[in-house]
Amino acid sequence: FCDRHVYAGRTRFIANALLAHFEQISWPPPPAAPTAN
């Protein structure tokens, strides 16, 4: 409800070495590339 915000990083408890144990997804998924004209 206001504009005061920070850009947050993933919790330090899930280091890069642990990422193999997780599935990483982004939401919403990126839009499909436009068809070349």
PDB file of all heavy atoms in Angstrom:
ATOM      1  N   PHE A   1       0.808  -1.212   0.000  1.00  0.00           N
ATOM      2  CA  PHE A   1       0.000   0.000   0.000  1.00  0.00           C
ATOM      3  C   PHE A   1       0.850   1.276   0.000  1.00  0.00           C
ATOM      4  O   PHE A   1       0.366   2.348   0.273  1.00  0.00           O
ATOM      5  CB  PHE A   1      -0.927   0.002   1.221  1.00  0.00           C
ATOM      6  CG  PHE A   1      -1.932  -1.108   1.172  1.00  0.00           C
ATOM      7  CD1 PHE A   1      -1.733  -2.272   1.898  1.00  0.00           C
ATOM      8  CD2 PHE A   1      -3.070  -1.009   0.379  1.00  0.00           C
ATOM      9  CE1 PHE A   1      -2.660  -3.297   1.843  1.00  0.00           C
ATOM     10  CE2 PHE A   1      -3.985  -2.034   0.328  1.00  0.00           C
ATOM     11  CZ  PHE A   1      -3.781  -3.189   1.059  1.00  0.00           C
ATOM     12  N   CYS A   2       2.150   1.132  -0.253  1.00  0.00           N
ATOM     13  CA  CYS A   2       2.991   2.300  -0.423  1.00  0.00           C
ATOM     14  C   CYS A   2       4.134   1.915  -1.333  1.00  0.00           C
ATOM     15  O   CYS A   2       4.271   0.767  -1.721  1.00  0.00           O
ATOM     16  CB  CYS A   2       3.504   2.812   0.927  1.00  0.00           C
ATOM     17  SG  CYS A   2       4.857   1.833   1.593  1.00  0.00           S
ATOM     18  N   ASP A   3       4.959   2.877  -1.686  1.00  0.00           N
ATOM     19  CA  ASP A   3       6.030   2.621  -2.646  1.00  0.00           C
ATOM     20  C   ASP A   3       7.355   2.311  -1.980  1.00  0.00           C
ATOM     21  O   ASP A   3       8.361   2.139  -2.675  1.00  0.00           O
ATOM     22  CB  ASP A   3       6.204   3.834  -3.572  1.00  0.00           C
ATOM     23  CG  ASP A   3       5.045   3.949  -4.557  1.00  0.00           C
ATOM     24  OD1 ASP A   3       4.455   2.910  -4.861  1.00  0.00           O
ATOM     25  OD2 ASP A   3       4.745   5.070  -4.983  1.00  0.00           O
ATOM     26  N   ARG A   4       7.410   2.274  -0.648  1.00  0.00           N
ATOM     27  CA  ARG A   4       8.678   1.986   0.019  1.00  0.00           C
ATOM     28  C   ARG A   4       8.939   0.489  -0.063  1.00  0.00           C
ATOM     29  O   ARG A   4       8.239  -0.317   0.533  1.00  0.00           O
ATOM     30  CB  ARG A   4       8.619   2.438   1.478  1.00  0.00           C
ATOM     31  CG  ARG A   4       9.953   2.293   2.189  1.00  0.00           C
ATOM     32  CD  ARG A   4       9.942   2.979   3.550  1.00  0.00           C
ATOM     33  NE  ARG A   4      11.198   2.701   4.239  1.00  0.00           N
ATOM     34  CZ  ARG A   4      11.266   2.030   5.387  1.00  0.00           C
ATOM     35  NH1 ARG A   4      10.182   1.597   5.962  1.00  0.00           N
ATOM     36  NH2 ARG A   4      12.436   1.818   5.948  1.00  0.00           N
ATOM     37  N   HIS A   5       9.955   0.127  -0.823  1.00  0.00           N
ATOM     38  CA  HIS A   5      10.212  -1.289  -1.034  1.00  0.00           C
ATOM     39  C   HIS A   5      11.702  -1.518  -1.244  1.00  0.00           C
ATOM     40  O   HIS A   5      12.479  -0.583  -1.438  1.00  0.00           O
ATOM     41  CB  HIS A   5       9.432  -1.804  -2.252  1.00  0.00           C
ATOM     42  CG  HIS A   5       9.838  -1.163  -3.533  1.00  0.00           C
ATOM     43  ND1 HIS A   5       9.266   0.013  -3.985  1.00  0.00           N
ATOM     44  CD2 HIS A   5      10.778  -1.509  -4.455  1.00  0.00           C
ATOM     45  CE1 HIS A   5       9.812   0.358  -5.130  1.00  0.00           C
ATOM     46  NE2 HIS A   5      10.748  -0.543  -5.445  1.00  0.00           N
ATOM     47  N   VAL A   6      12.070  -2.793  -1.160  1.00  0.00           N
ATOM     48  CA  VAL A   6      13.449  -3.200  -1.451  1.00  0.00           C
ATOM     49  C   VAL A   6      13.404  -4.324  -2.459  1.00  0.00           C
ATOM     50  O   VAL A   6      12.390  -5.024  -2.591  1.00  0.00           O
ATOM     51  CB  VAL A   6      14.184  -3.662  -0.178  1.00  0.00           C
ATOM     52  CG1 VAL A   6      14.305  -2.535   0.818  1.00  0.00           C
ATOM     53  CG2 VAL A   6      13.465  -4.861   0.456  1.00  0.00           C
ATOM     54  N   TYR A   7      14.496  -4.494  -3.166  1.00  0.00           N
ATOM     55  CA  TYR A   7      14.614  -5.659  -4.035  1.00  0.00           C
ATOM     56  C   TYR A   7      15.243  -6.772  -3.215  1.00  0.00           C
ATOM     57  O   TYR A   7      16.380  -6.661  -2.756  1.00  0.00           O
ATOM     58  CB  TYR A   7      15.436  -5.325  -5.274  1.00  0.00           C
ATOM     59  CG  TYR A   7      14.631  -4.545  -6.281  1.00  0.00           C
ATOM     60  CD1 TYR A   7      14.701  -3.161  -6.339  1.00  0.00           C
ATOM     61  CD2 TYR A   7      13.760  -5.201  -7.137  1.00  0.00           C
ATOM     62  CE1 TYR A   7      13.932  -2.439  -7.235  1.00  0.00           C
ATOM     63  CE2 TYR A   7      12.977  -4.487  -8.038  1.00  0.00           C
ATOM     64  CZ  TYR A   7      13.074  -3.111  -8.080  1.00  0.00           C
ATOM     65  OH  TYR A   7      12.303  -2.414  -8.957  1.00  0.00           O
ATOM     66  N   ALA A   8      14.491  -7.822  -3.002  1.00  0.00           N
ATOM     67  CA  ALA A   8      14.880  -8.863  -2.050  1.00  0.00           C
ATOM     68  C   ALA A   8      15.648  -9.978  -2.737  1.00  0.00           C
ATOM     69  O   ALA A   8      15.407 -10.299  -3.906  1.00  0.00           O
ATOM     70  CB  ALA A   8      13.629  -9.437  -1.375  1.00  0.00           C
ATOM     71  N   GLY A   9      16.548 -10.570  -1.973  1.00  0.00           N
ATOM     72  CA  GLY A   9      17.281 -11.727  -2.461  1.00  0.00           C
ATOM     73  C   GLY A   9      16.776 -12.992  -1.808  1.00  0.00           C
ATOM     74  O   GLY A   9      16.206 -12.961  -0.709  1.00  0.00           O
ATOM     75  N   ARG A  10      16.962 -14.106  -2.470  1.00  0.00           N
ATOM     76  CA  ARG A  10      16.555 -15.400  -1.915  1.00  0.00           C
ATOM     77  C   ARG A  10      17.179 -15.584  -0.527  1.00  0.00           C
ATOM     78  O   ARG A  10      18.303 -15.171  -0.273  1.00  0.00           O
ATOM     79  CB  ARG A  10      17.014 -16.518  -2.858  1.00  0.00           C
ATOM     80  CG  ARG A  10      16.547 -17.909  -2.452  1.00  0.00           C
ATOM     81  CD  ARG A  10      17.029 -18.980  -3.433  1.00  0.00           C
ATOM     82  NE  ARG A  10      18.477 -19.130  -3.410  1.00  0.00           N
ATOM     83  CZ  ARG A  10      19.270 -18.899  -4.440  1.00  0.00           C
ATOM     84  NH1 ARG A  10      18.771 -18.466  -5.595  1.00  0.00           N
ATOM     85  NH2 ARG A  10      20.584 -19.053  -4.345  1.00  0.00           N
ATOM     86  N   THR A  11      16.432 -16.203   0.372  1.00  0.00           N
ATOM     87  CA  THR A  11      16.939 -16.431   1.716  1.00  0.00           C
ATOM     88  C   THR A  11      18.317 -17.067   1.689  1.00  0.00           C
ATOM     89  O   THR A  11      18.589 -17.973   0.893  1.00  0.00           O
ATOM     90  CB  THR A  11      15.980 -17.321   2.542  1.00  0.00           C
ATOM     91  OG1 THR A  11      16.611 -17.637   3.800  1.00  0.00           O
ATOM     92  CG2 THR A  11      15.639 -18.612   1.819  1.00  0.00           C
ATOM     93  N   ARG A  12      19.184 -16.599   2.554  1.00  0.00           N
ATOM     94  CA  ARG A  12      20.555 -17.111   2.615  1.00  0.00           C
ATOM     95  C   ARG A  12      20.601 -18.588   3.002  1.00  0.00           C
ATOM     96  O   ARG A  12      21.623 -19.247   2.819  1.00  0.00           O
ATOM     97  CB  ARG A  12      21.363 -16.306   3.630  1.00  0.00           C
ATOM     98  CG  ARG A  12      20.960 -16.524   5.080  1.00  0.00           C
ATOM     99  CD  ARG A  12      21.627 -15.555   6.026  1.00  0.00           C
ATOM    100  NE  ARG A  12      21.073 -14.212   5.868  1.00  0.00           N
ATOM    101  CZ  ARG A  12      21.454 -13.179   6.629  1.00  0.00           C
ATOM    102  NH1 ARG A  12      22.389 -13.344   7.545  1.00  0.00           N
ATOM    103  NH2 ARG A  12      20.900 -11.999   6.450  1.00  0.00           N
ATOM    104  N   PHE A  13      19.490 -19.117   3.532  1.00  0.00           N
ATOM    105  CA  PHE A  13      19.470 -20.515   3.960  1.00  0.00           C
ATOM    106  C   PHE A  13      19.339 -21.483   2.785  1.00  0.00           C
ATOM    107  O   PHE A  13      19.457 -22.696   2.959  1.00  0.00           O
ATOM    108  CB  PHE A  13      18.340 -20.748   4.961  1.00  0.00           C
ATOM    109  CG  PHE A  13      18.422 -19.849   6.166  1.00  0.00           C
ATOM    110  CD1 PHE A  13      17.290 -19.209   6.653  1.00  0.00           C
ATOM    111  CD2 PHE A  13      19.631 -19.631   6.809  1.00  0.00           C
ATOM    112  CE1 PHE A  13      17.366 -18.369   7.755  1.00  0.00           C
ATOM    113  CE2 PHE A  13      19.722 -18.796   7.912  1.00  0.00           C
ATOM    114  CZ  PHE A  13      18.582 -18.160   8.385  1.00  0.00           C
ATOM    115  N   ILE A  14      19.043 -20.951   1.595  1.00  0.00           N
ATOM    116  CA  ILE A  14      19.009 -21.781   0.388  1.00  0.00           C
ATOM    117  C   ILE A  14      20.101 -21.246  -0.543  1.00  0.00           C
ATOM    118  O   ILE A  14      19.862 -20.419  -1.427  1.00  0.00           O
ATOM    119  CB  ILE A  14      17.632 -21.749  -0.289  1.00  0.00           C
ATOM    120  CG1 ILE A  14      16.550 -22.222   0.687  1.00  0.00           C
ATOM    121  CG2 ILE A  14      17.623 -22.637  -1.535  1.00  0.00           C
ATOM    122  CD1 ILE A  14      15.146 -22.187   0.128  1.00  0.00           C
ATOM    123  N   ALA A  15      21.308 -21.704  -0.286  1.00  0.00           N
ATOM    124  CA  ALA A  15      22.456 -21.255  -1.067  1.00  0.00           C
ATOM    125  C   ALA A  15      22.426 -21.885  -2.455  1.00  0.00           C
ATOM    126  O   ALA A  15      21.648 -22.814  -2.726  1.00  0.00           O
ATOM    127  CB  ALA A  15      23.753 -21.625  -0.338  1.00  0.00           C
ATOM    128  N   ASN A  16      23.273 -21.388  -3.324  1.00  0.00           N
ATOM    129  CA  ASN A  16      23.320 -21.907  -4.698  1.00  0.00           C
ATOM    130  C   ASN A  16      23.558 -23.411  -4.734  1.00  0.00           C
ATOM    131  O   ASN A  16      23.028 -24.115  -5.597  1.00  0.00           O
ATOM    132  CB  ASN A  16      24.414 -21.192  -5.495  1.00  0.00           C
ATOM    133  CG  ASN A  16      24.043 -19.750  -5.800  1.00  0.00           C
ATOM    134  OD1 ASN A  16      22.867 -19.384  -5.777  1.00  0.00           O
ATOM    135  ND2 ASN A  16      25.043 -18.928  -6.075  1.00  0.00           N
ATOM    136  N   ALA A  17      24.361 -23.915  -3.792  1.00  0.00           N
ATOM    137  CA  ALA A  17      24.681 -25.337  -3.777  1.00  0.00           C
ATOM    138  C   ALA A  17      23.453 -26.204  -3.518  1.00  0.00           C
ATOM    139  O   ALA A  17      23.478 -27.413  -3.796  1.00  0.00           O
ATOM    140  CB  ALA A  17      25.751 -25.618  -2.721  1.00  0.00           C
ATOM    141  N   LEU A  18      22.380 -25.608  -2.984  1.00  0.00           N
ATOM    142  CA  LEU A  18      21.174 -26.378  -2.653  1.00  0.00           C
ATOM    143  C   LEU A  18      20.142 -26.346  -3.767  1.00  0.00           C
ATOM    144  O   LEU A  18      19.118 -27.039  -3.685  1.00  0.00           O
ATOM    145  CB  LEU A  18      20.525 -25.836  -1.372  1.00  0.00           C
ATOM    146  CG  LEU A  18      21.058 -26.339  -0.022  1.00  0.00           C
ATOM    147  CD1 LEU A  18      22.518 -26.013   0.144  1.00  0.00           C
ATOM    148  CD2 LEU A  18      20.234 -25.753   1.125  1.00  0.00           C
ATOM    149  N   LEU A  19      20.369 -25.576  -4.799  1.00  0.00           N
ATOM    150  CA  LEU A  19      19.332 -25.362  -5.813  1.00  0.00           C
ATOM    151  C   LEU A  19      18.966 -26.636  -6.561  1.00  0.00           C
ATOM    152  O   LEU A  19      17.851 -26.733  -7.102  1.00  0.00           O
ATOM    153  CB  LEU A  19      19.785 -24.289  -6.798  1.00  0.00           C
ATOM    154  CG  LEU A  19      19.903 -22.873  -6.216  1.00  0.00           C
ATOM    155  CD1 LEU A  19      20.369 -21.893  -7.285  1.00  0.00           C
ATOM    156  CD2 LEU A  19      18.568 -22.421  -5.616  1.00  0.00           C
ATOM    157  N   ALA A  20      19.860 -27.609  -6.605  1.00  0.00           N
ATOM    158  CA  ALA A  20      19.552 -28.867  -7.291  1.00  0.00           C
ATOM    159  C   ALA A  20      18.391 -29.603  -6.636  1.00  0.00           C
ATOM    160  O   ALA A  20      17.755 -30.464  -7.268  1.00  0.00           O
ATOM    161  CB  ALA A  20      20.792 -29.755  -7.324  1.00  0.00           C
ATOM    162  N   HIS A  21      18.094 -29.274  -5.387  1.00  0.00           N
ATOM    163  CA  HIS A  21      17.006 -29.947  -4.665  1.00  0.00           C
ATOM    164  C   HIS A  21      15.662 -29.259  -4.887  1.00  0.00           C
ATOM    165  O   HIS A  21      14.647 -29.687  -4.318  1.00  0.00           O
ATOM    166  CB  HIS A  21      17.316 -29.997  -3.163  1.00  0.00           C
ATOM    167  CG  HIS A  21      18.503 -30.845  -2.816  1.00  0.00           C
ATOM    168  ND1 HIS A  21      18.438 -32.213  -2.737  1.00  0.00           N
ATOM    169  CD2 HIS A  21      19.791 -30.501  -2.567  1.00  0.00           C
ATOM    170  CE1 HIS A  21      19.626 -32.685  -2.421  1.00  0.00           C
ATOM    171  NE2 HIS A  21      20.470 -31.672  -2.314  1.00  0.00           N
ATOM    172  N   PHE A  22      15.650 -28.198  -5.687  1.00  0.00           N
ATOM    173  CA  PHE A  22      14.423 -27.432  -5.907  1.00  0.00           C
ATOM    174  C   PHE A  22      14.154 -27.294  -7.402  1.00  0.00           C
ATOM    175  O   PHE A  22      15.063 -27.339  -8.226  1.00  0.00           O
ATOM    176  CB  PHE A  22      14.539 -26.030  -5.299  1.00  0.00           C
ATOM    177  CG  PHE A  22      14.685 -25.996  -3.807  1.00  0.00           C
ATOM    178  CD1 PHE A  22      15.943 -26.092  -3.220  1.00  0.00           C
ATOM    179  CD2 PHE A  22      13.581 -25.882  -2.990  1.00  0.00           C
ATOM    180  CE1 PHE A  22      16.092 -26.059  -1.845  1.00  0.00           C
ATOM    181  CE2 PHE A  22      13.714 -25.845  -1.608  1.00  0.00           C
ATOM    182  CZ  PHE A  22      14.974 -25.940  -1.039  1.00  0.00           C
ATOM    183  N   GLU A  23      12.886 -27.106  -7.724  1.00  0.00           N
ATOM    184  CA  GLU A  23      12.491 -26.709  -9.068  1.00  0.00           C
ATOM    185  C   GLU A  23      12.272 -25.204  -9.050  1.00  0.00           C
ATOM    186  O   GLU A  23      11.515 -24.698  -8.222  1.00  0.00           O
ATOM    187  CB  GLU A  23      11.208 -27.421  -9.488  1.00  0.00           C
ATOM    188  CG  GLU A  23      10.685 -26.982 -10.850  1.00  0.00           C
ATOM    189  CD  GLU A  23       9.327 -27.571 -11.182  1.00  0.00           C
ATOM    190  OE1 GLU A  23       8.841 -28.435 -10.415  1.00  0.00           O
ATOM    191  OE2 GLU A  23       8.728 -27.138 -12.194  1.00  0.00           O
ATOM    192  N   GLN A  24      12.941 -24.488  -9.937  1.00  0.00           N
ATOM    193  CA  GLN A  24      12.828 -23.040  -9.973  1.00  0.00           C
ATOM    194  C   GLN A  24      11.891 -22.615 -11.095  1.00  0.00           C
ATOM    195  O   GLN A  24      12.065 -23.023 -12.240  1.00  0.00           O
ATOM    196  CB  GLN A  24      14.205 -22.406 -10.183  1.00  0.00           C
ATOM    197  CG  GLN A  24      15.207 -22.746  -9.089  1.00  0.00           C
ATOM    198  CD  GLN A  24      16.539 -22.074  -9.326  1.00  0.00           C
ATOM    199  OE1 GLN A  24      16.650 -20.851  -9.183  1.00  0.00           O
ATOM    200  NE2 GLN A  24      17.549 -22.843  -9.681  1.00  0.00           N
ATOM    201  N   ILE A  25      10.895 -21.805 -10.741  1.00  0.00           N
ATOM    202  CA  ILE A  25       9.967 -21.306 -11.756  1.00  0.00           C
ATOM    203  C   ILE A  25       9.742 -19.821 -11.540  1.00  0.00           C
ATOM    204  O   ILE A  25       9.962 -19.290 -10.443  1.00  0.00           O
ATOM    205  CB  ILE A  25       8.610 -22.046 -11.720  1.00  0.00           C
ATOM    206  CG1 ILE A  25       7.881 -21.801 -10.397  1.00  0.00           C
ATOM    207  CG2 ILE A  25       8.795 -23.545 -11.942  1.00  0.00           C
ATOM    208  CD1 ILE A  25       6.482 -22.381 -10.364  1.00  0.00           C
ATOM    209  N   SER A  26       9.334 -19.140 -12.593  1.00  0.00           N
ATOM    210  CA  SER A  26       8.966 -17.731 -12.511  1.00  0.00           C
ATOM    211  C   SER A  26       7.491 -17.599 -12.861  1.00  0.00           C
ATOM    212  O   SER A  26       6.978 -18.328 -13.717  1.00  0.00           O
ATOM    213  CB  SER A  26       9.804 -16.890 -13.481  1.00  0.00           C
ATOM    214  OG  SER A  26      11.175 -16.906 -13.118  1.00  0.00           O
ATOM    215  N   TRP A  27       6.808 -16.654 -12.199  1.00  0.00           N
ATOM    216  CA  TRP A  27       5.384 -16.448 -12.463  1.00  0.00           C
ATOM    217  C   TRP A  27       5.110 -14.949 -12.495  1.00  0.00           C
ATOM    218  O   TRP A  27       5.606 -14.204 -11.638  1.00  0.00           O
ATOM    219  CB  TRP A  27       4.544 -17.122 -11.384  1.00  0.00           C
ATOM    220  CG  TRP A  27       3.090 -17.167 -11.725  1.00  0.00           C
ATOM    221  CD1 TRP A  27       2.426 -18.167 -12.365  1.00  0.00           C
ATOM    222  CD2 TRP A  27       2.123 -16.156 -11.429  1.00  0.00           C
ATOM    223  NE1 TRP A  27       1.114 -17.839 -12.495  1.00  0.00           N
ATOM    224  CE2 TRP A  27       0.883 -16.607 -11.939  1.00  0.00           C
ATOM    225  CE3 TRP A  27       2.178 -14.906 -10.811  1.00  0.00           C
ATOM    226  CZ2 TRP A  27      -0.272 -15.867 -11.828  1.00  0.00           C
ATOM    227  CZ3 TRP A  27       1.020 -14.152 -10.709  1.00  0.00           C
ATOM    228  CH2 TRP A  27      -0.190 -14.643 -11.211  1.00  0.00           C
ATOM    229  N   PRO A  28       4.335 -14.492 -13.447  1.00  0.00           N
ATOM    230  CA  PRO A  28       3.812 -15.274 -14.573  1.00  0.00           C
ATOM    231  C   PRO A  28       4.931 -15.623 -15.545  1.00  0.00           C
ATOM    232  O   PRO A  28       5.956 -14.945 -15.579  1.00  0.00           O
ATOM    233  CB  PRO A  28       2.792 -14.330 -15.215  1.00  0.00           C
ATOM    234  CG  PRO A  28       3.267 -12.962 -14.837  1.00  0.00           C
ATOM    235  CD  PRO A  28       3.892 -13.092 -13.487  1.00  0.00           C
ATOM    236  N   PRO A  29       4.741 -16.674 -16.321  1.00  0.00           N
ATOM    237  CA  PRO A  29       5.781 -17.054 -17.280  1.00  0.00           C
ATOM    238  C   PRO A  29       5.999 -15.940 -18.290  1.00  0.00           C
ATOM    239  O   PRO A  29       5.067 -15.172 -18.588  1.00  0.00           O
ATOM    240  CB  PRO A  29       5.226 -18.322 -17.932  1.00  0.00           C
ATOM    241  CG  PRO A  29       3.756 -18.261 -17.705  1.00  0.00           C
ATOM    242  CD  PRO A  29       3.563 -17.554 -16.396  1.00  0.00           C
ATOM    243  N   PRO A  30       7.213 -15.819 -18.818  1.00  0.00           N
ATOM    244  CA  PRO A  30       7.481 -14.750 -19.794  1.00  0.00           C
ATOM    245  C   PRO A  30       6.611 -14.918 -21.026  1.00  0.00           C
ATOM    246  O   PRO A  30       6.288 -16.043 -21.425  1.00  0.00           O
ATOM    247  CB  PRO A  30       8.967 -14.942 -20.121  1.00  0.00           C
ATOM    248  CG  PRO A  30       9.269 -16.363 -19.753  1.00  0.00           C
ATOM    249  CD  PRO A  30       8.379 -16.686 -18.591  1.00  0.00           C
ATOM    250  N   PRO A  31       6.184 -13.823 -21.650  1.00  0.00           N
ATOM    251  CA  PRO A  31       5.331 -13.916 -22.846  1.00  0.00           C
ATOM    252  C   PRO A  31       6.094 -14.556 -23.998  1.00  0.00           C
ATOM    253  O   PRO A  31       7.314 -14.468 -24.090  1.00  0.00           O
ATOM    254  CB  PRO A  31       4.996 -12.452 -23.151  1.00  0.00           C
ATOM    255  CG  PRO A  31       6.109 -11.669 -22.515  1.00  0.00           C
ATOM    256  CD  PRO A  31       6.506 -12.438 -21.295  1.00  0.00           C
ATOM    257  N   ALA A  32       5.342 -15.210 -24.859  1.00  0.00           N
ATOM    258  CA  ALA A  32       5.959 -15.856 -26.014  1.00  0.00           C
ATOM    259  C   ALA A  32       6.568 -14.804 -26.927  1.00  0.00           C
ATOM    260  O   ALA A  32       6.057 -13.685 -27.057  1.00  0.00           O
ATOM    261  CB  ALA A  32       4.920 -16.679 -26.766  1.00  0.00           C
ATOM    262  N   ALA A  33       7.667 -15.168 -27.552  1.00  0.00           N
ATOM    263  CA  ALA A  33       8.337 -14.235 -28.471  1.00  0.00           C
ATOM    264  C   ALA A  33       7.403 -13.916 -29.629  1.00  0.00           C
ATOM    265  O   ALA A  33       6.703 -14.798 -30.153  1.00  0.00           O
ATOM    266  CB  ALA A  33       9.630 -14.855 -28.988  1.00  0.00           C
ATOM    267  N   PRO A  34       7.325 -12.644 -30.081  1.00  0.00           N
ATOM    268  CA  PRO A  34       6.419 -12.278 -31.184  1.00  0.00           C
ATOM    269  C   PRO A  34       6.845 -12.936 -32.489  1.00  0.00           C
ATOM    270  O   PRO A  34       8.030 -13.146 -32.749  1.00  0.00           O
ATOM    271  CB  PRO A  34       6.567 -10.758 -31.261  1.00  0.00           C
ATOM    272  CG  PRO A  34       7.912 -10.477 -30.643  1.00  0.00           C
ATOM    273  CD  PRO A  34       8.094 -11.514 -29.580  1.00  0.00           C
ATOM    274  N   THR A  35       5.861 -13.259 -33.315  1.00  0.00           N
ATOM    275  CA  THR A  35       6.145 -13.865 -34.624  1.00  0.00           C
ATOM    276  C   THR A  35       6.787 -12.835 -35.542  1.00  0.00           C
ATOM    277  O   THR A  35       6.323 -11.688 -35.638  1.00  0.00           O
ATOM    278  CB  THR A  35       4.841 -14.387 -35.260  1.00  0.00           C
ATOM    279  OG1 THR A  35       4.217 -15.283 -34.350  1.00  0.00           O
ATOM    280  CG2 THR A  35       5.134 -15.083 -36.575  1.00  0.00           C
ATOM    281  N   ALA A  36       7.863 -13.240 -36.177  1.00  0.00           N
ATOM    282  CA  ALA A  36       8.589 -12.303 -37.052  1.00  0.00           C
ATOM    283  C   ALA A  36       7.696 -11.846 -38.197  1.00  0.00           C
ATOM    284  O   ALA A  36       6.983 -12.637 -38.816  1.00  0.00           O
ATOM    285  CB  ALA A  36       9.850 -12.978 -37.600  1.00  0.00           C
ATOM    286  N   ASN A  37       7.729 -10.559 -38.482  1.00  0.00           N
ATOM    287  CA  ASN A  37       6.951  -9.975 -39.577  1.00  0.00           C
ATOM    288  C   ASN A  37       7.918  -9.591 -40.700  1.00  0.00           C
ATOM    289  O   ASN A  37       8.747  -8.682 -40.530  1.00  0.00           O
ATOM    290  CB  ASN A  37       6.200  -8.745 -39.088  1.00  0.00           C
ATOM    291  CG  ASN A  37       5.334  -8.119 -40.169  1.00  0.00           C
ATOM    292  OD1 ASN A  37       5.385  -8.526 -41.336  1.00  0.00           O
ATOM    293  ND2 ASN A  37       4.539  -7.127 -39.779  1.00  0.00           N
TER     294      ASN A  37
END
